[in-house]
Each structure stands twice: as structure tokens, then as C-alpha cells.
């Protein structure tokens, strides 16, 4: 399985410009040939390009120093040195690039094929042919090439998904995403089976689909680093709606309303903007809900708070059709704003 890497620090250095050339015409029967030194080539740029088929920064993790090619030096006969080749660094769509030293966001690559020039190559030096004048017929100097730009960068991936699944560990997020899509996250009867975000594509209607993200389970105290902490919550910042999964089975620990409020508190501590997102609630493991007291308590709470509520069972498929239609409509509404 490919390792999921979503934060990397790197150093990038564009190519230096080539030197200008000092040269003079040397031709038969031309005793006083003038200067003909050519210009140096431009150094190569370093360019990031977003790719739809990538979903991790793993390649960059193991190559943290990038240096583009230098420009070639100028030559005689006014021949221009070749420009240095640009270096293209592919990254997943959804990548945010920051200046590591200042913290400034330089770009946010959200579209497939989008490009960003992180550092520009140095300009090539001018050859001595540029410095001939009436008083200086034979200049014996040329310009050196300019150094290429360099900087330290912080690369961060925020997955592009329409729906974000949140909830306590073992709330049934992995089972739900595997039931709704072809994604196959690890499913087991213990907490923290999902250790990195998982994306699944859910199809509905004719030629329609949306992307759902399974975020590793939060627990109370995540803002202090408890459990997996907040390290993956950046991946639901772009979503249009949050689907909060709450275990309503008779074997679940704690009150379902209290569990829901715990996670909402952690979301708010991470970013008040997250808690403002539209949120729906799904009561999971309906097939083992016992006397349904927890189901009724959660349903009444959602009604009072104006949350859309869906009791469901990912194993038997009960309630999944209604949930898919609802989520698809919400995604369409968000896209049409």
C-alpha cells in the first residue's frame, strides 16, 4: 500500500544564467574584426504542476532538494547560449505551496494541469558585442549570468472531496465509504483502523458522482494532540458538507448526543469555519440498535438543532439509497451557487 504523505518541506533552487562571451571576429581579409560575443542562456525555472491522478506527496518526501539546470554560456559569432531546462515537479490537485520562512501562501493548485513557477531562473549575461561604442571599439568584458532564485517551501496537501465523514473512532465511517463506493479502507472492530484519509467516488443518477473523504477518527482532546490529533482535518476544509457518523448500537459507549457534541467541539477548536459548514447526521449500526432508545434520542436532538438525520446500516444497506440522493443534491446545490 502506498504511504500517505500530506506535508513536506523542500528547498528549490532555479538555474543560474549563463555567462556572456568575450569574442572577436577572426576572418581572413578582415584585419580589425569587431566583438561578436554571444549572450548566456537563461537558467531553468522550477515549476509545480498539479495532477489529478496523484494523491500523495510521497515522491517529494524522498527528494527534498531541487535544482534546475544552469543556462549555457554564450559563444563567439554572436551565438546565444542554450536556456537551462525547466524542472517540472508534479503534485496532487489540492496542493497548497507556502514560503517556509514567511508562511505566505504562494499558490493553491486545485485544478488538473494548473502550473505555478516557484522560482525563476537567472537571466543570462550579455556578451561583449553589446558593449561596443564609438569610443570603445574592442570591449574585452562581458556580463556574468544572474543567479537563479531559491527558497524554502512548505508543501501541504488538502484532498479535494465534496463530502467529509467525521465521527468518533469505530463509528462506522470505513464501513460506510466501502458500501457507498469502490474504496476499500481497513474495517475492523477496534478504534483507529483508518490511519490516513481515504477517498471514494459515489455514483448517483445518470453520469453524476461526488467524492467522499473518510477522515481518521477524532476523539475528545484532539486539539491537544490526543489520538491522531488534528493532523488530517485539513482534508475536509474544502468539502461542501460534513456527514457526522454517530454509533447508535446498544454496544456503543456513551450518550450519542454527547458524542456528537464532543466532535463538534473539536471541529470548532480546530477552525470555527468548519463548524459553520452544512452538517448532516447519520446514526450508524441500525441493525444492532437494541431498543432504539439511542436512535430516538439522537433523532430528537437533530430535529431540535435542524440537522438532517439518517438512520442507516452500512452492512444491510438500509437507509443508504436515501442518503446518497440527499448528499448528491447537496453537492449540486453547492456547485450551482
C-alpha atoms as a PDB file:
ATOM      1  CA  UNK A   1       0.000   0.000   0.000  1.00  0.00           C
ATOM      2  CA  UNK A   2       1.303   3.466  -0.884  1.00  0.00           C
ATOM      3  CA  UNK A   3       2.253   5.538   2.131  1.00  0.00           C
ATOM      4  CA  UNK A   4       0.127   8.661   2.587  1.00  0.00           C
ATOM      5  CA  UNK A   5       2.257  11.818   2.908  1.00  0.00           C
ATOM      6  CA  UNK A   6       0.491  15.189   3.025  1.00  0.00           C
ATOM      7  CA  UNK A   7       3.135  17.629   4.371  1.00  0.00           C
ATOM      8  CA  UNK A   8       6.686  18.114   3.095  1.00  0.00           C
ATOM      9  CA  UNK A   9       9.423  20.763   3.467  1.00  0.00           C
ATOM     10  CA  UNK A  10      11.733  21.238   0.480  1.00  0.00           C
ATOM     11  CA  UNK A  11      14.396  23.579  -0.874  1.00  0.00           C
ATOM     12  CA  UNK A  12      14.232  24.728  -4.504  1.00  0.00           C
ATOM     13  CA  UNK A  13      16.969  26.476  -6.490  1.00  0.00           C
ATOM     14  CA  UNK A  14      16.450  27.761 -10.036  1.00  0.00           C
ATOM     15  CA  UNK A  15      19.281  27.563 -12.550  1.00  0.00           C
ATOM     16  CA  UNK A  16      21.879  30.338 -12.790  1.00  0.00           C
ATOM     17  CA  UNK A  17      22.133  32.295 -16.009  1.00  0.00           C
ATOM     18  CA  UNK A  18      24.997  31.523 -18.371  1.00  0.00           C
ATOM     19  CA  UNK A  19      27.952  33.886 -18.817  1.00  0.00           C
ATOM     20  CA  UNK A  20      28.192  36.269 -21.718  1.00  0.00           C
ATOM     21  CA  UNK A  21      31.072  35.580 -24.115  1.00  0.00           C
ATOM     22  CA  UNK A  22      34.091  37.751 -24.913  1.00  0.00           C
ATOM     23  CA  UNK A  23      34.946  37.099 -28.560  1.00  0.00           C
ATOM     24  CA  UNK A  24      36.140  38.929 -31.673  1.00  0.00           C
ATOM     25  CA  UNK A  25      35.730  38.237 -35.357  1.00  0.00           C
ATOM     26  CA  UNK A  26      38.712  36.446 -36.816  1.00  0.00           C
ATOM     27  CA  UNK A  27      38.277  36.313 -40.588  1.00  0.00           C
ATOM     28  CA  UNK A  28      40.661  36.399 -43.495  1.00  0.00           C
ATOM     29  CA  UNK A  29      40.993  39.850 -45.029  1.00  0.00           C
ATOM     30  CA  UNK A  30      39.148  41.396 -42.059  1.00  0.00           C
ATOM     31  CA  UNK A  31      42.073  42.745 -40.019  1.00  0.00           C
ATOM     32  CA  UNK A  32      40.007  44.532 -37.417  1.00  0.00           C
ATOM     33  CA  UNK A  33      37.038  42.317 -36.739  1.00  0.00           C
ATOM     34  CA  UNK A  34      34.692  43.664 -34.093  1.00  0.00           C
ATOM     35  CA  UNK A  35      33.350  41.985 -30.941  1.00  0.00           C
ATOM     36  CA  UNK A  36      30.919  39.136 -31.522  1.00  0.00           C
ATOM     37  CA  UNK A  37      30.490  37.518 -28.127  1.00  0.00           C
ATOM     38  CA  UNK A  38      27.010  35.974 -27.661  1.00  0.00           C
ATOM     39  CA  UNK A  39      24.713  36.139 -24.628  1.00  0.00           C
ATOM     40  CA  UNK A  40      24.415  33.450 -21.967  1.00  0.00           C
ATOM     41  CA  UNK A  41      21.224  31.415 -21.697  1.00  0.00           C
ATOM     42  CA  UNK A  42      18.578  31.810 -19.003  1.00  0.00           C
ATOM     43  CA  UNK A  43      18.660  29.401 -16.082  1.00  0.00           C
ATOM     44  CA  UNK A  44      15.869  26.853 -15.765  1.00  0.00           C
ATOM     45  CA  UNK A  45      12.717  27.618 -13.738  1.00  0.00           C
ATOM     46  CA  UNK A  46      11.223  25.246 -11.162  1.00  0.00           C
ATOM     47  CA  UNK A  47       7.523  24.755 -11.851  1.00  0.00           C
ATOM     48  CA  UNK A  48       4.880  22.826  -9.906  1.00  0.00           C
ATOM     49  CA  UNK A  49       2.096  21.173 -11.906  1.00  0.00           C
ATOM     50  CA  UNK A  50      -0.994  19.601 -10.358  1.00  0.00           C
ATOM     51  CA  UNK A  51      -2.039  16.102 -11.432  1.00  0.00           C
ATOM     52  CA  UNK A  52      -5.455  14.559 -10.922  1.00  0.00           C
ATOM     53  CA  UNK A  53      -4.090  11.009 -10.712  1.00  0.00           C
ATOM     54  CA  UNK A  54      -1.787  11.719  -7.747  1.00  0.00           C
ATOM     55  CA  UNK A  55      -2.982  11.567  -4.130  1.00  0.00           C
ATOM     56  CA  UNK A  56       0.158  11.778  -2.006  1.00  0.00           C
ATOM     57  CA  UNK A  57       3.376  13.794  -1.682  1.00  0.00           C
ATOM     58  CA  UNK A  58       5.396  10.625  -1.236  1.00  0.00           C
ATOM     59  CA  UNK A  59       7.760  11.266  -4.167  1.00  0.00           C
ATOM     60  CA  UNK A  60       8.654  14.722  -2.852  1.00  0.00           C
ATOM     61  CA  UNK A  61       9.203  13.339   0.652  1.00  0.00           C
ATOM     62  CA  UNK A  62      12.263  11.436  -0.608  1.00  0.00           C
ATOM     63  CA  UNK A  63      13.644  14.221  -2.833  1.00  0.00           C
ATOM     64  CA  UNK A  64      13.772  17.390  -0.766  1.00  0.00           C
ATOM     65  CA  UNK A  65      16.447  19.310  -2.722  1.00  0.00           C
ATOM     66  CA  UNK A  66      15.562  20.522  -6.216  1.00  0.00           C
ATOM     67  CA  UNK A  67      17.976  22.348  -8.509  1.00  0.00           C
ATOM     68  CA  UNK A  68      17.193  23.355 -12.083  1.00  0.00           C
ATOM     69  CA  UNK A  69      19.737  23.341 -14.909  1.00  0.00           C
ATOM     70  CA  UNK A  70      22.057  26.302 -15.478  1.00  0.00           C
ATOM     71  CA  UNK A  71      21.956  28.316 -18.675  1.00  0.00           C
ATOM     72  CA  UNK A  72      24.775  27.650 -21.147  1.00  0.00           C
ATOM     73  CA  UNK A  73      27.469  30.259 -21.671  1.00  0.00           C
ATOM     74  CA  UNK A  74      27.375  32.455 -24.742  1.00  0.00           C
ATOM     75  CA  UNK A  75      29.734  31.710 -27.664  1.00  0.00           C
ATOM     76  CA  UNK A  76      31.533  33.526 -30.451  1.00  0.00           C
ATOM     77  CA  UNK A  77      29.859  34.571 -33.700  1.00  0.00           C
ATOM     78  CA  UNK A  78      27.048  36.063 -31.573  1.00  0.00           C
ATOM     79  CA  UNK A  79      25.784  32.599 -30.684  1.00  0.00           C
ATOM     80  CA  UNK A  80      23.343  32.610 -27.769  1.00  0.00           C
ATOM     81  CA  UNK A  81      23.851  30.003 -25.059  1.00  0.00           C
ATOM     82  CA  UNK A  82      21.016  27.477 -24.605  1.00  0.00           C
ATOM     83  CA  UNK A  83      18.490  28.161 -21.848  1.00  0.00           C
ATOM     84  CA  UNK A  84      18.551  25.774 -18.913  1.00  0.00           C
ATOM     85  CA  UNK A  85      15.781  23.168 -18.915  1.00  0.00           C
ATOM     86  CA  UNK A  86      12.833  23.944 -16.651  1.00  0.00           C
ATOM     87  CA  UNK A  87      12.173  21.435 -13.883  1.00  0.00           C
ATOM     88  CA  UNK A  88       8.532  20.310 -13.583  1.00  0.00           C
ATOM     89  CA  UNK A  89       7.520  18.904 -10.186  1.00  0.00           C
ATOM     90  CA  UNK A  90       4.167  17.032 -10.308  1.00  0.00           C
ATOM     91  CA  UNK A  91       1.948  17.336  -7.228  1.00  0.00           C
ATOM     92  CA  UNK A  92      -1.617  16.205  -6.448  1.00  0.00           C
ATOM     93  CA  UNK A  93      -4.503  18.546  -7.202  1.00  0.00           C
ATOM     94  CA  UNK A  94      -5.331  20.279  -3.921  1.00  0.00           C
ATOM     95  CA  UNK A  95      -1.717  21.119  -3.055  1.00  0.00           C
ATOM     96  CA  UNK A  96      -1.009  24.368  -1.196  1.00  0.00           C
ATOM     97  CA  UNK A  97       2.505  25.832  -1.528  1.00  0.00           C
ATOM     98  CA  UNK A  98       3.799  28.209   1.151  1.00  0.00           C
ATOM     99  CA  UNK A  99       7.032  30.065   1.712  1.00  0.00           C
ATOM    100  CA  UNK A 100       8.528  28.197   4.664  1.00  0.00           C
ATOM    101  CA  UNK A 101      10.272  31.235   6.125  1.00  0.00           C
ATOM    102  CA  UNK A 102       7.438  33.796   5.899  1.00  0.00           C
ATOM    103  CA  UNK A 103       4.428  31.459   5.981  1.00  0.00           C
ATOM    104  CA  UNK A 104       2.937  33.255   2.951  1.00  0.00           C
ATOM    105  CA  UNK A 105       0.661  31.160   0.725  1.00  0.00           C
ATOM    106  CA  UNK A 106       2.196  31.313  -2.747  1.00  0.00           C
ATOM    107  CA  UNK A 107      -0.426  29.276  -4.613  1.00  0.00           C
ATOM    108  CA  UNK A 108      -3.258  26.787  -4.246  1.00  0.00           C
ATOM    109  CA  UNK A 109      -3.278  24.237  -7.071  1.00  0.00           C
ATOM    110  CA  UNK A 110      -6.855  22.954  -7.226  1.00  0.00           C
ATOM    111  CA  UNK A 111      -7.266  22.182 -10.949  1.00  0.00           C
ATOM    112  CA  UNK A 112      -5.699  19.429 -13.047  1.00  0.00           C
ATOM    113  CA  UNK A 113      -2.834  20.798 -15.130  1.00  0.00           C
ATOM    114  CA  UNK A 114      -2.545  24.043 -13.165  1.00  0.00           C
ATOM    115  CA  UNK A 115       1.043  25.342 -13.007  1.00  0.00           C
ATOM    116  CA  UNK A 116       2.981  27.608 -10.672  1.00  0.00           C
ATOM    117  CA  UNK A 117       6.535  28.882 -11.126  1.00  0.00           C
ATOM    118  CA  UNK A 118       8.047  28.704  -7.651  1.00  0.00           C
ATOM    119  CA  UNK A 119      11.483  30.149  -8.537  1.00  0.00           C
ATOM    120  CA  UNK A 120      12.705  31.752 -11.764  1.00  0.00           C
ATOM    121  CA  UNK A 121      15.984  31.062 -13.471  1.00  0.00           C
ATOM    122  CA  UNK A 122      18.671  33.744 -13.577  1.00  0.00           C
ATOM    123  CA  UNK A 123      18.984  35.900 -16.666  1.00  0.00           C
ATOM    124  CA  UNK A 124      21.951  35.161 -18.918  1.00  0.00           C
ATOM    125  CA  UNK A 125      24.793  37.696 -19.120  1.00  0.00           C
ATOM    126  CA  UNK A 126      25.270  39.828 -22.224  1.00  0.00           C
ATOM    127  CA  UNK A 127      28.220  39.158 -24.487  1.00  0.00           C
ATOM    128  CA  UNK A 128      30.813  41.789 -25.345  1.00  0.00           C
ATOM    129  CA  UNK A 129      29.070  42.644 -28.639  1.00  0.00           C
ATOM    130  CA  UNK A 130      26.548  44.648 -26.601  1.00  0.00           C
ATOM    131  CA  UNK A 131      29.228  46.964 -25.216  1.00  0.00           C
ATOM    132  CA  UNK A 132      30.794  48.239 -28.446  1.00  0.00           C
ATOM    133  CA  UNK A 133      30.594  52.010 -28.889  1.00  0.00           C
ATOM    134  CA  UNK A 134      32.304  54.796 -30.801  1.00  0.00           C
ATOM    135  CA  UNK A 135      34.800  55.245 -28.003  1.00  0.00           C
ATOM    136  CA  UNK A 136      35.102  51.556 -27.100  1.00  0.00           C
ATOM    137  CA  UNK A 137      35.706  49.552 -30.243  1.00  0.00           C
ATOM    138  CA  UNK A 138      37.030  46.380 -28.617  1.00  0.00           C
ATOM    139  CA  UNK A 139      35.390  45.695 -25.247  1.00  0.00           C
ATOM    140  CA  UNK A 140      37.151  42.856 -23.504  1.00  0.00           C
ATOM    141  CA  UNK A 141      34.473  42.105 -20.933  1.00  0.00           C
ATOM    142  CA  UNK A 142      31.010  40.574 -20.741  1.00  0.00           C
ATOM    143  CA  UNK A 143      28.348  40.166 -18.083  1.00  0.00           C
ATOM    144  CA  UNK A 144      28.213  37.158 -15.761  1.00  0.00           C
ATOM    145  CA  UNK A 145      24.906  35.364 -15.551  1.00  0.00           C
ATOM    146  CA  UNK A 146      22.493  36.292 -12.773  1.00  0.00           C
ATOM    147  CA  UNK A 147      21.972  33.699 -10.004  1.00  0.00           C
ATOM    148  CA  UNK A 148      18.685  31.798 -10.028  1.00  0.00           C
ATOM    149  CA  UNK A 149      16.138  32.347  -7.274  1.00  0.00           C
ATOM    150  CA  UNK A 150      15.983  29.941  -4.355  1.00  0.00           C
ATOM    151  CA  UNK A 151      13.658  29.492  -1.409  1.00  0.00           C
ATOM    152  CA  UNK A 152      12.444  27.047   1.207  1.00  0.00           C
ATOM    153  CA  UNK A 153       8.919  25.779   0.661  1.00  0.00           C
ATOM    154  CA  UNK A 154       6.293  24.040   2.769  1.00  0.00           C
ATOM    155  CA  UNK A 155       4.113  21.788   0.609  1.00  0.00           C
ATOM    156  CA  UNK A 156       0.743  20.784   2.048  1.00  0.00           C
ATOM    157  CA  UNK A 157      -1.931  18.586   0.521  1.00  0.00           C
ATOM    158  CA  UNK A 158      -5.625  19.202   1.136  1.00  0.00           C
ATOM    159  CA  UNK A 159      -7.635  16.488  -0.571  1.00  0.00           C
ATOM    160  CA  UNK A 160     -10.398  17.597  -2.910  1.00  0.00           C
ATOM    161  CA  UNK A 161     -13.636  15.991  -1.737  1.00  0.00           C
ATOM    162  CA  UNK A 162     -17.312  17.003  -1.731  1.00  0.00           C
ATOM    163  CA  UNK A 163     -18.345  15.184   1.455  1.00  0.00           C
ATOM    164  CA  UNK A 164     -16.293  14.786   4.628  1.00  0.00           C
ATOM    165  CA  UNK A 165     -17.033  11.949   7.057  1.00  0.00           C
ATOM    166  CA  UNK A 166     -16.351  12.778  10.699  1.00  0.00           C
ATOM    167  CA  UNK A 167     -17.068  10.979  13.940  1.00  0.00           C
ATOM    168  CA  UNK A 168     -15.551   9.122  16.844  1.00  0.00           C
ATOM    169  CA  UNK A 169     -13.336   6.098  16.160  1.00  0.00           C
ATOM    170  CA  UNK A 170     -15.312   2.959  15.322  1.00  0.00           C
ATOM    171  CA  UNK A 171     -18.404   4.974  14.341  1.00  0.00           C
ATOM    172  CA  UNK A 172     -18.639   3.104  11.027  1.00  0.00           C
ATOM    173  CA  UNK A 173     -17.006   5.575   8.626  1.00  0.00           C
ATOM    174  CA  UNK A 174     -14.836   2.994   6.860  1.00  0.00           C
ATOM    175  CA  UNK A 175     -17.742   0.566   6.512  1.00  0.00           C
ATOM    176  CA  UNK A 176     -19.944   3.315   5.073  1.00  0.00           C
ATOM    177  CA  UNK A 177     -17.435   4.519   2.473  1.00  0.00           C
ATOM    178  CA  UNK A 178     -16.775   0.937   1.370  1.00  0.00           C
ATOM    179  CA  UNK A 179     -20.545   0.406   0.997  1.00  0.00           C
ATOM    180  CA  UNK A 180     -21.064   3.624  -0.991  1.00  0.00           C
ATOM    181  CA  UNK A 181     -18.001   3.398  -3.264  1.00  0.00           C
ATOM    182  CA  UNK A 182     -15.285   1.076  -4.528  1.00  0.00           C
ATOM    183  CA  UNK A 183     -12.840   2.327  -1.876  1.00  0.00           C
ATOM    184  CA  UNK A 184     -11.599  -0.441   0.406  1.00  0.00           C
ATOM    185  CA  UNK A 185     -10.355   1.056   3.685  1.00  0.00           C
ATOM    186  CA  UNK A 186      -9.438  -1.255   6.521  1.00  0.00           C
ATOM    187  CA  UNK A 187     -12.512  -2.284   8.521  1.00  0.00           C
ATOM    188  CA  UNK A 188     -12.201  -3.845  11.986  1.00  0.00           C
ATOM    189  CA  UNK A 189     -13.919  -3.840  15.352  1.00  0.00           C
ATOM    190  CA  UNK A 190     -11.434  -1.572  17.110  1.00  0.00           C
ATOM    191  CA  UNK A 191     -10.633   2.164  17.056  1.00  0.00           C
ATOM    192  CA  UNK A 192      -8.230   3.897  14.640  1.00  0.00           C
ATOM    193  CA  UNK A 193      -8.367   1.268  11.900  1.00  0.00           C
ATOM    194  CA  UNK A 194      -8.078   4.169   9.421  1.00  0.00           C
ATOM    195  CA  UNK A 195      -4.712   5.884   9.842  1.00  0.00           C
ATOM    196  CA  UNK A 196      -4.851   8.152   6.782  1.00  0.00           C
ATOM    197  CA  UNK A 197      -7.664   9.755   4.753  1.00  0.00           C
ATOM    198  CA  UNK A 198      -9.428   7.604   2.161  1.00  0.00           C
ATOM    199  CA  UNK A 199     -11.279   8.933  -0.885  1.00  0.00           C
ATOM    200  CA  UNK A 200     -14.210   7.202  -2.550  1.00  0.00           C
ATOM    201  CA  UNK A 201     -16.248   8.144  -5.628  1.00  0.00           C
ATOM    202  CA  UNK A 202     -20.009   7.685  -5.221  1.00  0.00           C
ATOM    203  CA  UNK A 203     -22.135   7.495  -8.377  1.00  0.00           C
ATOM    204  CA  UNK A 204     -25.780   8.508  -8.431  1.00  0.00           C
ATOM    205  CA  UNK A 205     -28.328   9.366 -11.092  1.00  0.00           C
ATOM    206  CA  UNK A 206     -27.156   9.485 -14.709  1.00  0.00           C
ATOM    207  CA  UNK A 207     -23.474  10.264 -15.176  1.00  0.00           C
ATOM    208  CA  UNK A 208     -23.300  12.011 -11.790  1.00  0.00           C
ATOM    209  CA  UNK A 209     -20.896  11.415  -8.955  1.00  0.00           C
ATOM    210  CA  UNK A 210     -19.378  13.016  -5.886  1.00  0.00           C
ATOM    211  CA  UNK A 211     -16.228  12.383  -3.863  1.00  0.00           C
ATOM    212  CA  UNK A 212     -16.432  11.396  -0.219  1.00  0.00           C
ATOM    213  CA  UNK A 213     -13.495  11.510   2.221  1.00  0.00           C
ATOM    214  CA  UNK A 214     -13.129   9.225   5.223  1.00  0.00           C
ATOM    215  CA  UNK A 215     -11.132  11.150   7.848  1.00  0.00           C
ATOM    216  CA  UNK A 216      -9.437   9.153  10.652  1.00  0.00           C
ATOM    217  CA  UNK A 217     -11.486   9.231  13.851  1.00  0.00           C
ATOM    218  CA  UNK A 218     -11.325  12.175  16.201  1.00  0.00           C
ATOM    219  CA  UNK A 219     -11.583  11.844  19.950  1.00  0.00           C
ATOM    220  CA  UNK A 220     -12.116  14.303  22.754  1.00  0.00           C
ATOM    221  CA  UNK A 221      -8.906  16.236  23.354  1.00  0.00           C
ATOM    222  CA  UNK A 222      -7.760  16.015  19.731  1.00  0.00           C
ATOM    223  CA  UNK A 223      -6.834  19.723  19.847  1.00  0.00           C
ATOM    224  CA  UNK A 224      -4.215  18.788  22.457  1.00  0.00           C
ATOM    225  CA  UNK A 225      -2.820  16.035  20.225  1.00  0.00           C
ATOM    226  CA  UNK A 226      -4.770  13.162  21.797  1.00  0.00           C
ATOM    227  CA  UNK A 227      -5.271  10.211  19.472  1.00  0.00           C
ATOM    228  CA  UNK A 228      -4.408  11.260  15.933  1.00  0.00           C
ATOM    229  CA  UNK A 229      -4.984  14.897  16.868  1.00  0.00           C
ATOM    230  CA  UNK A 230      -5.942  17.375  14.176  1.00  0.00           C
ATOM    231  CA  UNK A 231      -3.372  16.253  11.621  1.00  0.00           C
ATOM    232  CA  UNK A 232      -5.927  15.191   8.980  1.00  0.00           C
ATOM    233  CA  UNK A 233      -8.689  17.770   9.441  1.00  0.00           C
ATOM    234  CA  UNK A 234      -7.208  19.996   6.707  1.00  0.00           C
ATOM    235  CA  UNK A 235      -8.629  17.470   4.242  1.00  0.00           C
ATOM    236  CA  UNK A 236     -12.237  18.439   4.981  1.00  0.00           C
ATOM    237  CA  UNK A 237     -11.687  22.202   4.743  1.00  0.00           C
ATOM    238  CA  UNK A 238     -12.686  22.146   1.044  1.00  0.00           C
ATOM    239  CA  UNK A 239     -15.775  19.954   1.424  1.00  0.00           C
ATOM    240  CA  UNK A 240     -19.280  21.289   0.804  1.00  0.00           C
ATOM    241  CA  UNK A 241     -20.947  19.303   3.609  1.00  0.00           C
ATOM    242  CA  UNK A 242     -19.915  17.268   6.654  1.00  0.00           C
ATOM    243  CA  UNK A 243     -21.586  13.948   7.384  1.00  0.00           C
ATOM    244  CA  UNK A 244     -21.290  13.202  11.098  1.00  0.00           C
ATOM    245  CA  UNK A 245     -21.497   9.499  11.913  1.00  0.00           C
ATOM    246  CA  UNK A 246     -22.750   8.508  15.375  1.00  0.00           C
ATOM    247  CA  UNK A 247     -22.853   4.924  16.628  1.00  0.00           C
ATOM    248  CA  UNK A 248     -26.369   4.192  17.941  1.00  0.00           C
ATOM    249  CA  UNK A 249     -25.850   0.478  18.599  1.00  0.00           C
ATOM    250  CA  UNK A 250     -26.555  -0.949  22.030  1.00  0.00           C
ATOM    251  CA  UNK A 251     -22.817  -1.725  22.328  1.00  0.00           C
ATOM    252  CA  UNK A 252     -21.669   1.856  21.790  1.00  0.00           C
ATOM    253  CA  UNK A 253     -20.130   3.767  24.663  1.00  0.00           C
ATOM    254  CA  UNK A 254     -21.640   6.993  25.963  1.00  0.00           C
ATOM    255  CA  UNK A 255     -24.667   9.028  25.021  1.00  0.00           C
ATOM    256  CA  UNK A 256     -24.982   9.625  21.222  1.00  0.00           C
ATOM    257  CA  UNK A 257     -25.821  13.311  21.701  1.00  0.00           C
ATOM    258  CA  UNK A 258     -22.802  13.824  23.943  1.00  0.00           C
ATOM    259  CA  UNK A 259     -20.600  12.027  21.404  1.00  0.00           C
ATOM    260  CA  UNK A 260     -21.870  14.278  18.618  1.00  0.00           C
ATOM    261  CA  UNK A 261     -21.234  17.423  20.645  1.00  0.00           C
ATOM    262  CA  UNK A 262     -17.716  16.264  21.584  1.00  0.00           C
ATOM    263  CA  UNK A 263     -16.683  16.059  17.941  1.00  0.00           C
ATOM    264  CA  UNK A 264     -18.333  19.358  17.049  1.00  0.00           C
ATOM    265  CA  UNK A 265     -16.396  20.961  19.874  1.00  0.00           C
ATOM    266  CA  UNK A 266     -13.126  19.595  18.485  1.00  0.00           C
ATOM    267  CA  UNK A 267     -14.014  20.812  14.976  1.00  0.00           C
ATOM    268  CA  UNK A 268     -14.683  24.286  16.351  1.00  0.00           C
ATOM    269  CA  UNK A 269     -11.378  24.308  18.232  1.00  0.00           C
ATOM    270  CA  UNK A 270      -9.569  23.412  15.008  1.00  0.00           C
ATOM    271  CA  UNK A 271     -11.371  26.013  12.891  1.00  0.00           C
ATOM    272  CA  UNK A 272     -14.619  27.916  13.554  1.00  0.00           C
ATOM    273  CA  UNK A 273     -15.157  27.842   9.780  1.00  0.00           C
ATOM    274  CA  UNK A 274     -15.505  24.057   9.839  1.00  0.00           C
ATOM    275  CA  UNK A 275     -18.375  24.104  12.288  1.00  0.00           C
ATOM    276  CA  UNK A 276     -20.203  26.584  10.025  1.00  0.00           C
ATOM    277  CA  UNK A 277     -20.333  24.079   7.170  1.00  0.00           C
ATOM    278  CA  UNK A 278     -23.663  22.366   6.442  1.00  0.00           C
ATOM    279  CA  UNK A 279     -23.811  19.217   8.528  1.00  0.00           C
ATOM    280  CA  UNK A 280     -25.957  16.127   8.385  1.00  0.00           C
ATOM    281  CA  UNK A 281     -26.001  13.311  10.934  1.00  0.00           C
ATOM    282  CA  UNK A 282     -26.151   9.580  10.301  1.00  0.00           C
ATOM    283  CA  UNK A 283     -26.995   7.129  13.064  1.00  0.00           C
ATOM    284  CA  UNK A 284     -24.978   4.008  12.218  1.00  0.00           C
ATOM    285  CA  UNK A 285     -25.256   0.284  13.034  1.00  0.00           C
ATOM    286  CA  UNK A 286     -29.056   0.374  12.955  1.00  0.00           C
ATOM    287  CA  UNK A 287     -29.168  -3.417  12.794  1.00  0.00           C
ATOM    288  CA  UNK A 288     -27.865  -3.688  16.383  1.00  0.00           C
ATOM    289  CA  UNK A 289     -29.567  -0.654  17.910  1.00  0.00           C
ATOM    290  CA  UNK A 290     -31.451  -2.749  20.503  1.00  0.00           C
ATOM    291  CA  UNK A 291     -34.495  -0.969  21.958  1.00  0.00           C
ATOM    292  CA  UNK A 292     -33.681   2.069  19.763  1.00  0.00           C
ATOM    293  CA  UNK A 293     -33.568   4.427  22.738  1.00  0.00           C
ATOM    294  CA  UNK A 294     -30.298   5.919  21.490  1.00  0.00           C
ATOM    295  CA  UNK A 295     -31.740   6.269  17.994  1.00  0.00           C
ATOM    296  CA  UNK A 296     -34.773   8.168  19.256  1.00  0.00           C
ATOM    297  CA  UNK A 297     -32.653  10.424  21.489  1.00  0.00           C
ATOM    298  CA  UNK A 298     -30.333  11.355  18.616  1.00  0.00           C
ATOM    299  CA  UNK A 299     -33.204  11.833  16.153  1.00  0.00           C
ATOM    300  CA  UNK A 300     -34.965  14.261  18.520  1.00  0.00           C
ATOM    301  CA  UNK A 301     -31.731  16.202  19.111  1.00  0.00           C
ATOM    302  CA  UNK A 302     -31.147  16.562  15.362  1.00  0.00           C
ATOM    303  CA  UNK A 303     -34.722  17.727  14.884  1.00  0.00           C
ATOM    304  CA  UNK A 304     -34.272  20.405  17.558  1.00  0.00           C
ATOM    305  CA  UNK A 305     -30.932  21.521  16.034  1.00  0.00           C
ATOM    306  CA  UNK A 306     -32.272  21.381  12.446  1.00  0.00           C
ATOM    307  CA  UNK A 307     -29.757  18.750  11.368  1.00  0.00           C
ATOM    308  CA  UNK A 308     -30.871  16.383   8.604  1.00  0.00           C
ATOM    309  CA  UNK A 309     -30.818  12.911  10.163  1.00  0.00           C
ATOM    310  CA  UNK A 310     -30.438   9.494   8.528  1.00  0.00           C
ATOM    311  CA  UNK A 311     -30.617   6.205  10.466  1.00  0.00           C
ATOM    312  CA  UNK A 312     -28.761   3.569   8.443  1.00  0.00           C
ATOM    313  CA  UNK A 313     -26.930   0.281   8.373  1.00  0.00           C
ATOM    314  CA  UNK A 314     -23.951   0.038   6.025  1.00  0.00           C
ATOM    315  CA  UNK A 315     -23.906  -3.769   6.239  1.00  0.00           C
ATOM    316  CA  UNK A 316     -27.521  -4.402   5.184  1.00  0.00           C
ATOM    317  CA  UNK A 317     -27.813  -1.273   3.032  1.00  0.00           C
ATOM    318  CA  UNK A 318     -30.771   0.118   4.979  1.00  0.00           C
ATOM    319  CA  UNK A 319     -31.043   3.905   4.512  1.00  0.00           C
ATOM    320  CA  UNK A 320     -28.124   4.158   2.059  1.00  0.00           C
ATOM    321  CA  UNK A 321     -30.206   4.996  -1.023  1.00  0.00           C
ATOM    322  CA  UNK A 322     -31.882   7.944   0.700  1.00  0.00           C
ATOM    323  CA  UNK A 323     -28.515   9.159   1.991  1.00  0.00           C
ATOM    324  CA  UNK A 324     -26.883   9.042  -1.467  1.00  0.00           C
ATOM    325  CA  UNK A 325     -29.718  11.029  -3.043  1.00  0.00           C
ATOM    326  CA  UNK A 326     -29.556  13.624  -0.271  1.00  0.00           C
ATOM    327  CA  UNK A 327     -25.772  14.034  -0.491  1.00  0.00           C
ATOM    328  CA  UNK A 328     -25.876  14.254  -4.284  1.00  0.00           C
ATOM    329  CA  UNK A 329     -28.479  17.028  -4.140  1.00  0.00           C
ATOM    330  CA  UNK A 330     -26.474  18.948  -1.544  1.00  0.00           C
ATOM    331  CA  UNK A 331     -23.320  18.747  -3.660  1.00  0.00           C
ATOM    332  CA  UNK A 332     -25.240  20.004  -6.713  1.00  0.00           C
ATOM    333  CA  UNK A 333     -26.654  22.898  -4.706  1.00  0.00           C
ATOM    334  CA  UNK A 334     -23.163  23.886  -3.552  1.00  0.00           C
ATOM    335  CA  UNK A 335     -21.750  23.733  -7.094  1.00  0.00           C
ATOM    336  CA  UNK A 336     -24.549  25.857  -8.503  1.00  0.00           C
ATOM    337  CA  UNK A 337     -24.106  28.725  -6.037  1.00  0.00           C
END
